[in-house]
Every structure is written in structure tokens, then in C-alpha cells.
N, C-alpha and C. Protein backbone atom coordinates (compact mmCIF):
# COMPACT_ATOMS: atom_id res chain seq x y z
N MET A 1 -211.72 -36.43 26.53
CA MET A 1 -210.78 -36.42 24.96
C MET A 1 -210.35 -37.24 24.90
N ASP A 2 -210.58 -37.95 23.16
CA ASP A 2 -209.91 -38.99 22.94
C ASP A 2 -208.82 -38.63 21.96
N LEU A 3 -208.05 -39.08 22.26
CA LEU A 3 -206.52 -38.49 21.83
C LEU A 3 -206.11 -40.05 20.92
N VAL A 4 -205.37 -39.20 19.79
CA VAL A 4 -204.85 -40.48 19.10
C VAL A 4 -203.55 -41.13 19.38
N PRO A 5 -204.23 -42.57 19.88
CA PRO A 5 -202.57 -43.72 20.59
C PRO A 5 -201.41 -43.01 19.55
N PRO A 6 -200.61 -43.47 20.90
CA PRO A 6 -199.16 -42.54 20.52
C PRO A 6 -198.15 -43.48 19.69
N GLY A 7 -198.69 -44.79 19.17
CA GLY A 7 -197.73 -45.26 17.94
C GLY A 7 -198.85 -46.15 17.03
N THR A 8 -197.91 -46.93 16.07
CA THR A 8 -198.56 -48.06 15.65
C THR A 8 -197.02 -48.81 15.23
N GLU A 9 -197.69 -50.35 15.81
CA GLU A 9 -196.35 -51.19 15.82
C GLU A 9 -197.02 -52.15 14.52
N TRP A 10 -195.58 -52.74 13.55
CA TRP A 10 -196.11 -53.35 12.95
C TRP A 10 -194.79 -54.47 12.85
N VAL A 11 -195.87 -55.80 13.37
CA VAL A 11 -194.60 -57.26 13.71
C VAL A 11 -194.84 -58.14 12.44
N VAL A 12 -193.91 -58.19 11.81
CA VAL A 12 -194.13 -58.89 10.61
C VAL A 12 -193.60 -60.33 10.57
N ASP A 13 -193.60 -61.29 10.37
CA ASP A 13 -192.81 -62.77 10.26
C ASP A 13 -192.84 -63.06 9.10
N ALA A 14 -191.71 -63.38 8.36
CA ALA A 14 -191.92 -64.04 6.52
C ALA A 14 -190.93 -65.41 6.90
N HIS A 15 -191.87 -66.54 6.64
CA HIS A 15 -190.78 -67.68 6.33
C HIS A 15 -190.82 -68.02 4.78
N GLY A 16 -190.14 -68.73 4.85
CA GLY A 16 -189.75 -69.87 3.19
C GLY A 16 -189.35 -68.68 2.24
N CYS A 17 -188.27 -68.10 3.00
CA CYS A 17 -187.36 -66.84 2.29
C CYS A 17 -185.98 -67.80 1.73
N ASP A 18 -185.48 -66.89 0.92
CA ASP A 18 -184.37 -67.88 0.01
C ASP A 18 -183.17 -67.10 1.04
N PRO A 19 -182.68 -68.25 1.94
CA PRO A 19 -181.14 -67.66 2.70
C PRO A 19 -180.34 -66.98 1.66
N ASP A 20 -179.96 -67.17 1.10
CA ASP A 20 -179.07 -66.11 0.17
C ASP A 20 -179.20 -65.02 0.31
N ARG A 21 -180.59 -64.57 0.09
CA ARG A 21 -180.99 -63.19 0.66
C ARG A 21 -181.13 -62.72 2.02
N LEU A 22 -181.26 -63.51 2.97
CA LEU A 22 -181.52 -63.38 3.92
C LEU A 22 -179.78 -63.09 4.58
N ARG A 23 -178.97 -63.60 4.17
CA ARG A 23 -177.69 -62.87 4.22
C ARG A 23 -176.95 -61.64 3.44
N SER A 24 -177.62 -61.61 2.39
CA SER A 24 -177.31 -60.23 2.07
C SER A 24 -177.76 -59.04 2.62
N ARG A 25 -176.70 -57.52 2.91
CA ARG A 25 -176.81 -56.71 3.35
C ARG A 25 -177.94 -55.72 2.63
N GLU A 26 -177.03 -56.02 1.37
CA GLU A 26 -177.78 -55.21 -0.02
C GLU A 26 -179.47 -55.31 0.09
N VAL A 27 -179.61 -56.47 -0.01
CA VAL A 27 -181.06 -56.95 0.03
C VAL A 27 -181.70 -56.51 0.87
N LEU A 28 -180.66 -56.17 2.09
CA LEU A 28 -182.23 -56.05 3.78
C LEU A 28 -181.93 -54.14 3.14
N GLU A 29 -181.27 -54.04 3.24
CA GLU A 29 -181.16 -52.79 2.39
C GLU A 29 -182.16 -51.77 2.00
N SER A 30 -182.72 -52.42 0.81
CA SER A 30 -183.55 -52.50 -0.13
C SER A 30 -184.29 -52.62 -0.01
N VAL A 31 -184.42 -53.36 1.55
CA VAL A 31 -186.11 -53.58 2.17
C VAL A 31 -186.44 -52.55 3.11
N PHE A 32 -185.30 -51.78 3.51
CA PHE A 32 -185.04 -50.49 4.17
C PHE A 32 -185.71 -49.32 3.71
N ARG A 33 -184.91 -49.22 2.79
CA ARG A 33 -185.08 -48.05 1.92
C ARG A 33 -186.05 -47.93 0.48
N ARG A 34 -187.26 -48.93 0.48
CA ARG A 34 -188.27 -49.24 0.20
C ARG A 34 -189.81 -49.02 1.38
N VAL A 35 -189.23 -49.03 2.38
CA VAL A 35 -190.35 -48.89 3.81
C VAL A 35 -190.30 -47.46 3.70
N VAL A 36 -188.82 -46.73 4.00
CA VAL A 36 -188.99 -45.80 4.47
C VAL A 36 -189.68 -44.79 2.98
N GLU A 37 -189.11 -44.87 1.78
CA GLU A 37 -189.48 -44.15 0.44
C GLU A 37 -190.47 -44.10 0.56
N ASP A 38 -191.27 -45.36 0.49
CA ASP A 38 -192.93 -45.70 0.77
C ASP A 38 -194.42 -44.86 1.40
N LEU A 39 -193.61 -44.77 2.51
CA LEU A 39 -194.14 -44.56 3.81
C LEU A 39 -193.79 -42.87 4.18
N GLY A 40 -193.05 -42.34 3.37
CA GLY A 40 -192.90 -40.95 3.34
C GLY A 40 -192.12 -40.81 5.20
N LEU A 41 -190.99 -41.41 5.73
CA LEU A 41 -190.57 -41.92 6.90
C LEU A 41 -189.19 -40.98 6.76
N ARG A 42 -188.64 -40.71 7.93
CA ARG A 42 -187.16 -40.04 7.32
C ARG A 42 -186.10 -40.30 8.54
N ALA A 43 -185.00 -41.01 7.69
CA ALA A 43 -184.38 -41.40 8.50
C ALA A 43 -183.26 -40.66 9.54
N ALA A 44 -183.30 -40.59 10.87
CA ALA A 44 -182.55 -39.72 12.11
C ALA A 44 -180.84 -40.23 11.88
N GLY A 45 -180.47 -41.58 11.11
CA GLY A 45 -178.72 -41.33 10.36
C GLY A 45 -178.54 -43.06 9.45
N ASP A 46 -177.74 -43.50 9.98
CA ASP A 46 -177.82 -44.33 9.27
C ASP A 46 -177.99 -46.04 9.60
N PRO A 47 -178.21 -46.53 9.31
CA PRO A 47 -178.61 -47.91 9.42
C PRO A 47 -177.37 -48.39 10.13
N VAL A 48 -177.88 -49.64 10.76
CA VAL A 48 -176.41 -50.52 11.54
C VAL A 48 -176.63 -51.70 11.49
N TRP A 49 -176.06 -51.96 10.94
CA TRP A 49 -176.18 -53.60 10.43
C TRP A 49 -174.64 -54.58 11.20
N ARG A 50 -175.45 -55.57 11.46
CA ARG A 50 -174.53 -56.73 12.10
C ARG A 50 -174.93 -57.65 11.38
N MET A 51 -173.65 -58.14 11.18
CA MET A 51 -173.32 -59.28 10.28
C MET A 51 -172.73 -60.83 10.73
N PHE A 52 -173.68 -62.11 11.36
CA PHE A 52 -173.37 -62.62 11.71
C PHE A 52 -172.39 -63.70 10.46
N PRO A 53 -170.87 -64.14 11.09
CA PRO A 53 -170.62 -64.88 10.54
C PRO A 53 -170.66 -66.34 10.07
N GLY A 54 -170.54 -66.64 9.06
CA GLY A 54 -170.60 -67.89 8.61
C GLY A 54 -171.77 -67.66 7.60
N GLU A 55 -172.68 -68.98 7.69
CA GLU A 55 -174.18 -69.10 7.21
C GLU A 55 -175.04 -68.19 8.12
N GLY A 56 -174.62 -67.33 9.20
CA GLY A 56 -175.40 -66.43 9.81
C GLY A 56 -176.34 -65.49 8.61
N GLY A 57 -177.29 -64.76 9.88
CA GLY A 57 -177.74 -63.81 9.11
C GLY A 57 -177.52 -62.21 10.00
N ILE A 58 -178.36 -61.38 9.42
CA ILE A 58 -178.22 -60.35 10.19
C ILE A 58 -179.09 -59.34 10.48
N THR A 59 -178.88 -58.29 11.66
CA THR A 59 -179.54 -57.73 11.92
C THR A 59 -179.33 -56.09 11.83
N GLY A 60 -180.69 -55.49 11.74
CA GLY A 60 -180.29 -54.80 11.28
C GLY A 60 -181.52 -53.42 11.93
N LEU A 61 -180.51 -51.60 12.00
CA LEU A 61 -181.84 -51.01 12.95
C LEU A 61 -181.54 -49.91 12.08
N LEU A 62 -182.32 -49.09 12.04
CA LEU A 62 -182.52 -47.84 11.63
C LEU A 62 -183.65 -46.79 12.31
N LEU A 63 -182.67 -45.64 12.99
CA LEU A 63 -183.78 -44.80 13.83
C LEU A 63 -184.40 -44.15 12.84
N LEU A 64 -185.40 -43.95 13.10
CA LEU A 64 -186.23 -42.77 12.34
C LEU A 64 -186.97 -41.28 13.30
N THR A 65 -186.90 -40.52 12.65
CA THR A 65 -187.73 -39.33 13.17
C THR A 65 -188.92 -39.71 13.81
N GLU A 66 -189.23 -40.76 13.25
CA GLU A 66 -190.93 -41.28 13.89
C GLU A 66 -190.41 -42.18 14.33
N SER A 67 -189.38 -42.70 14.82
CA SER A 67 -189.05 -43.98 15.80
C SER A 67 -187.97 -44.86 15.25
N HIS A 68 -188.67 -46.80 14.19
CA HIS A 68 -187.46 -47.27 14.21
C HIS A 68 -188.15 -48.08 13.79
N LEU A 69 -186.96 -49.03 12.35
CA LEU A 69 -187.10 -50.18 12.07
C LEU A 69 -185.87 -51.52 12.44
N ALA A 70 -186.48 -51.75 12.67
CA ALA A 70 -185.23 -53.10 12.76
C ALA A 70 -185.64 -54.28 11.73
N CYS A 71 -184.86 -55.36 11.59
CA CYS A 71 -184.94 -56.28 10.85
C CYS A 71 -183.97 -57.34 11.22
N HIS A 72 -184.59 -59.07 12.17
CA HIS A 72 -183.44 -59.97 12.09
C HIS A 72 -183.62 -60.98 11.20
N THR A 73 -182.41 -61.58 10.44
CA THR A 73 -183.31 -62.86 9.89
C THR A 73 -181.90 -64.59 10.15
N PHE A 74 -182.85 -65.31 10.00
CA PHE A 74 -182.13 -66.23 9.96
C PHE A 74 -182.32 -67.18 8.93
N PRO A 75 -181.44 -66.99 7.98
CA PRO A 75 -180.96 -67.77 7.16
C PRO A 75 -181.51 -69.15 6.86
N GLU A 76 -181.04 -69.82 7.86
CA GLU A 76 -180.72 -71.34 8.20
C GLU A 76 -182.27 -71.80 8.74
N ARG A 77 -183.11 -71.20 8.83
CA ARG A 77 -184.59 -71.60 9.02
C ARG A 77 -185.63 -70.48 8.09
N GLY A 78 -185.14 -69.95 7.01
CA GLY A 78 -185.96 -69.08 5.87
C GLY A 78 -186.75 -68.31 6.38
N PHE A 79 -185.89 -67.18 7.53
CA PHE A 79 -187.55 -66.73 8.37
C PHE A 79 -186.40 -65.34 8.67
N ALA A 80 -187.54 -64.40 8.39
CA ALA A 80 -187.05 -63.16 8.70
C ALA A 80 -187.77 -61.95 9.41
N ALA A 81 -187.89 -61.18 10.79
CA ALA A 81 -188.41 -60.80 11.21
C ALA A 81 -188.48 -59.51 10.89
N PHE A 82 -189.45 -58.64 10.95
CA PHE A 82 -189.32 -57.16 11.03
C PHE A 82 -190.16 -56.34 12.15
N ASN A 83 -189.65 -55.67 12.89
CA ASN A 83 -190.52 -54.28 13.52
C ASN A 83 -190.58 -53.32 12.59
N LEU A 84 -191.58 -52.12 12.79
CA LEU A 84 -191.98 -50.84 12.36
C LEU A 84 -192.54 -50.34 13.17
N TYR A 85 -192.14 -49.23 13.83
CA TYR A 85 -192.80 -48.53 15.04
C TYR A 85 -192.59 -46.92 14.65
N CYS A 86 -194.24 -46.60 14.49
CA CYS A 86 -194.38 -45.30 14.32
C CYS A 86 -194.85 -44.41 14.88
N CYS A 87 -194.16 -42.98 15.31
CA CYS A 87 -195.67 -42.10 16.38
C CYS A 87 -196.01 -41.61 15.84
N ARG A 88 -196.24 -41.20 13.90
CA ARG A 88 -197.18 -41.01 13.45
C ARG A 88 -198.12 -41.26 12.54
N PRO A 89 -199.44 -41.37 12.53
CA PRO A 89 -200.11 -41.95 11.44
C PRO A 89 -199.94 -42.40 10.17
N ARG A 90 -199.70 -44.12 9.81
CA ARG A 90 -199.14 -44.62 8.84
C ARG A 90 -199.42 -45.05 7.78
N ALA A 91 -200.16 -45.37 6.86
CA ALA A 91 -201.01 -46.35 5.93
C ALA A 91 -199.70 -48.02 6.31
N ASP A 92 -200.55 -48.88 5.72
CA ASP A 92 -199.82 -50.04 5.96
C ASP A 92 -198.98 -50.20 4.56
N TRP A 93 -197.70 -50.81 5.14
CA TRP A 93 -196.85 -50.86 3.74
C TRP A 93 -197.25 -52.42 3.58
N PRO A 94 -197.74 -52.50 2.12
CA PRO A 94 -197.85 -54.28 1.91
C PRO A 94 -196.66 -55.04 2.29
N TRP A 95 -196.31 -55.67 3.03
CA TRP A 95 -195.66 -56.09 3.58
C TRP A 95 -195.30 -58.38 2.39
N PRO A 96 -196.61 -58.39 2.51
CA PRO A 96 -196.50 -59.53 1.80
C PRO A 96 -196.24 -59.42 0.90
N ASP A 97 -196.70 -58.36 0.25
CA ASP A 97 -196.67 -58.12 -1.65
C ASP A 97 -194.67 -58.22 -1.51
N ARG A 98 -194.13 -57.04 -1.15
CA ARG A 98 -192.98 -57.25 -1.40
C ARG A 98 -192.22 -57.85 -0.89
N LEU A 99 -192.05 -58.44 0.65
CA LEU A 99 -191.55 -59.47 1.34
C LEU A 99 -191.13 -60.67 -0.18
N ARG A 100 -192.37 -60.99 -0.50
CA ARG A 100 -192.55 -62.10 -1.30
C ARG A 100 -191.66 -61.73 -3.06
N GLU A 101 -191.63 -60.61 -3.61
CA GLU A 101 -190.80 -60.22 -4.54
C GLU A 101 -189.69 -60.17 -3.97
N ILE A 102 -189.03 -59.42 -2.78
CA ILE A 102 -187.37 -58.77 -2.61
C ILE A 102 -187.00 -60.56 -1.84
N LEU A 103 -187.61 -60.63 -0.91
CA LEU A 103 -187.14 -62.04 -0.15
C LEU A 103 -187.57 -63.66 -0.90
N SER A 104 -188.46 -63.43 -1.85
CA SER A 104 -188.59 -64.80 -2.14
C SER A 104 -189.66 -65.71 -1.21
N ALA A 105 -190.38 -64.43 -0.22
CA ALA A 105 -190.85 -64.85 0.97
C ALA A 105 -192.65 -66.07 0.62
N ARG A 106 -192.53 -67.44 0.95
CA ARG A 106 -193.86 -68.10 1.15
C ARG A 106 -194.53 -67.58 2.00
N ASP A 107 -194.48 -67.26 3.17
CA ASP A 107 -195.97 -66.80 4.11
C ASP A 107 -194.70 -65.59 4.94
N VAL A 108 -196.27 -64.48 4.91
CA VAL A 108 -195.66 -63.48 5.50
C VAL A 108 -197.21 -63.44 6.60
N SER A 109 -197.07 -63.54 7.72
CA SER A 109 -197.67 -62.48 8.43
C SER A 109 -196.92 -61.00 9.31
N VAL A 110 -198.40 -60.30 9.15
CA VAL A 110 -198.35 -58.54 9.66
C VAL A 110 -199.53 -59.11 10.95
N ARG A 111 -198.68 -58.38 11.89
CA ARG A 111 -199.82 -57.72 12.83
C ARG A 111 -199.55 -56.32 13.14
N ARG A 112 -200.68 -55.46 13.18
CA ARG A 112 -200.40 -54.42 13.44
C ARG A 112 -201.01 -53.87 15.08
N LEU A 113 -200.16 -53.07 15.73
CA LEU A 113 -200.75 -52.79 16.60
C LEU A 113 -200.72 -51.62 17.29
N ALA A 114 -202.36 -51.55 17.98
CA ALA A 114 -201.94 -49.76 18.52
C ALA A 114 -201.19 -49.83 19.91
N ARG A 115 -199.90 -49.31 19.81
CA ARG A 115 -199.72 -48.63 21.32
C ARG A 115 -199.85 -47.40 21.98
N GLY A 116 -199.76 -48.10 23.66
CA GLY A 116 -200.12 -46.80 24.16
C GLY A 116 -201.51 -46.45 24.57
N GLU A 117 -202.46 -47.54 24.07
CA GLU A 117 -203.90 -47.66 24.49
C GLU A 117 -204.24 -48.32 25.82
N ARG A 118 -205.16 -47.91 26.16
CA ARG A 118 -205.45 -48.77 27.82
C ARG A 118 -206.46 -49.86 27.78
């Protein structure tokens, strides 16, 4: 019996981002909002944000009925890490285009992993 893998995970690294945008909860909320809306995902509650003091970054987590969306930003390095896990098939979100637009990312790499396969 051929079963569909139980999930797909996108691991996204964005380099050369604008440090001020990586410190902005509003900017990161807009990334989360666009991912959820564009892919037709459903939030299982409100996102949780942890803003680190001073020039530190932000960690965000949004539980989805389909799994989760997370981000970790490092303004001092111009770097943001995103992780999206979906237990139902979804199209790829245009991470490179959107993160260049929203975070001024210079370079974005996306790894798409089928989870649960042997």
C-alpha cells in the first residue's frame, strides 16, 4: 500500500536581512500572516513571541491545526530561520521572493523534506 508521507517540512534560511526588520514583531507577524493566508492554513491559537532584550532578535511560534510555523531571528548576523511543518499536502510558498520583499533578504535557501518516510 502506497501511503502519503505524514508530513512535509520546509527549513528556510534567510541571510543578509535588514537587522531592524528582524527585531520587529510587526514585520514577523506579517510573514506569519502571509504564510497562513497564502497556503490556506489554520491557526490553532495566537502566535507566541519572545523578544530578546537590547539588540537581540525574536523567536516566534504558531501552532497550526496542520502542525506549526516557527521563526528565530539573529539581527547581529542578518539571519532568520523559519520552519514550517504541515501534515497535509501543501504547495510550496515562495519563500525567497517573500523574504526578499519583507525582510530585504539577500540570499534565501529552502529545503523541503518529506517526513515519516523510511
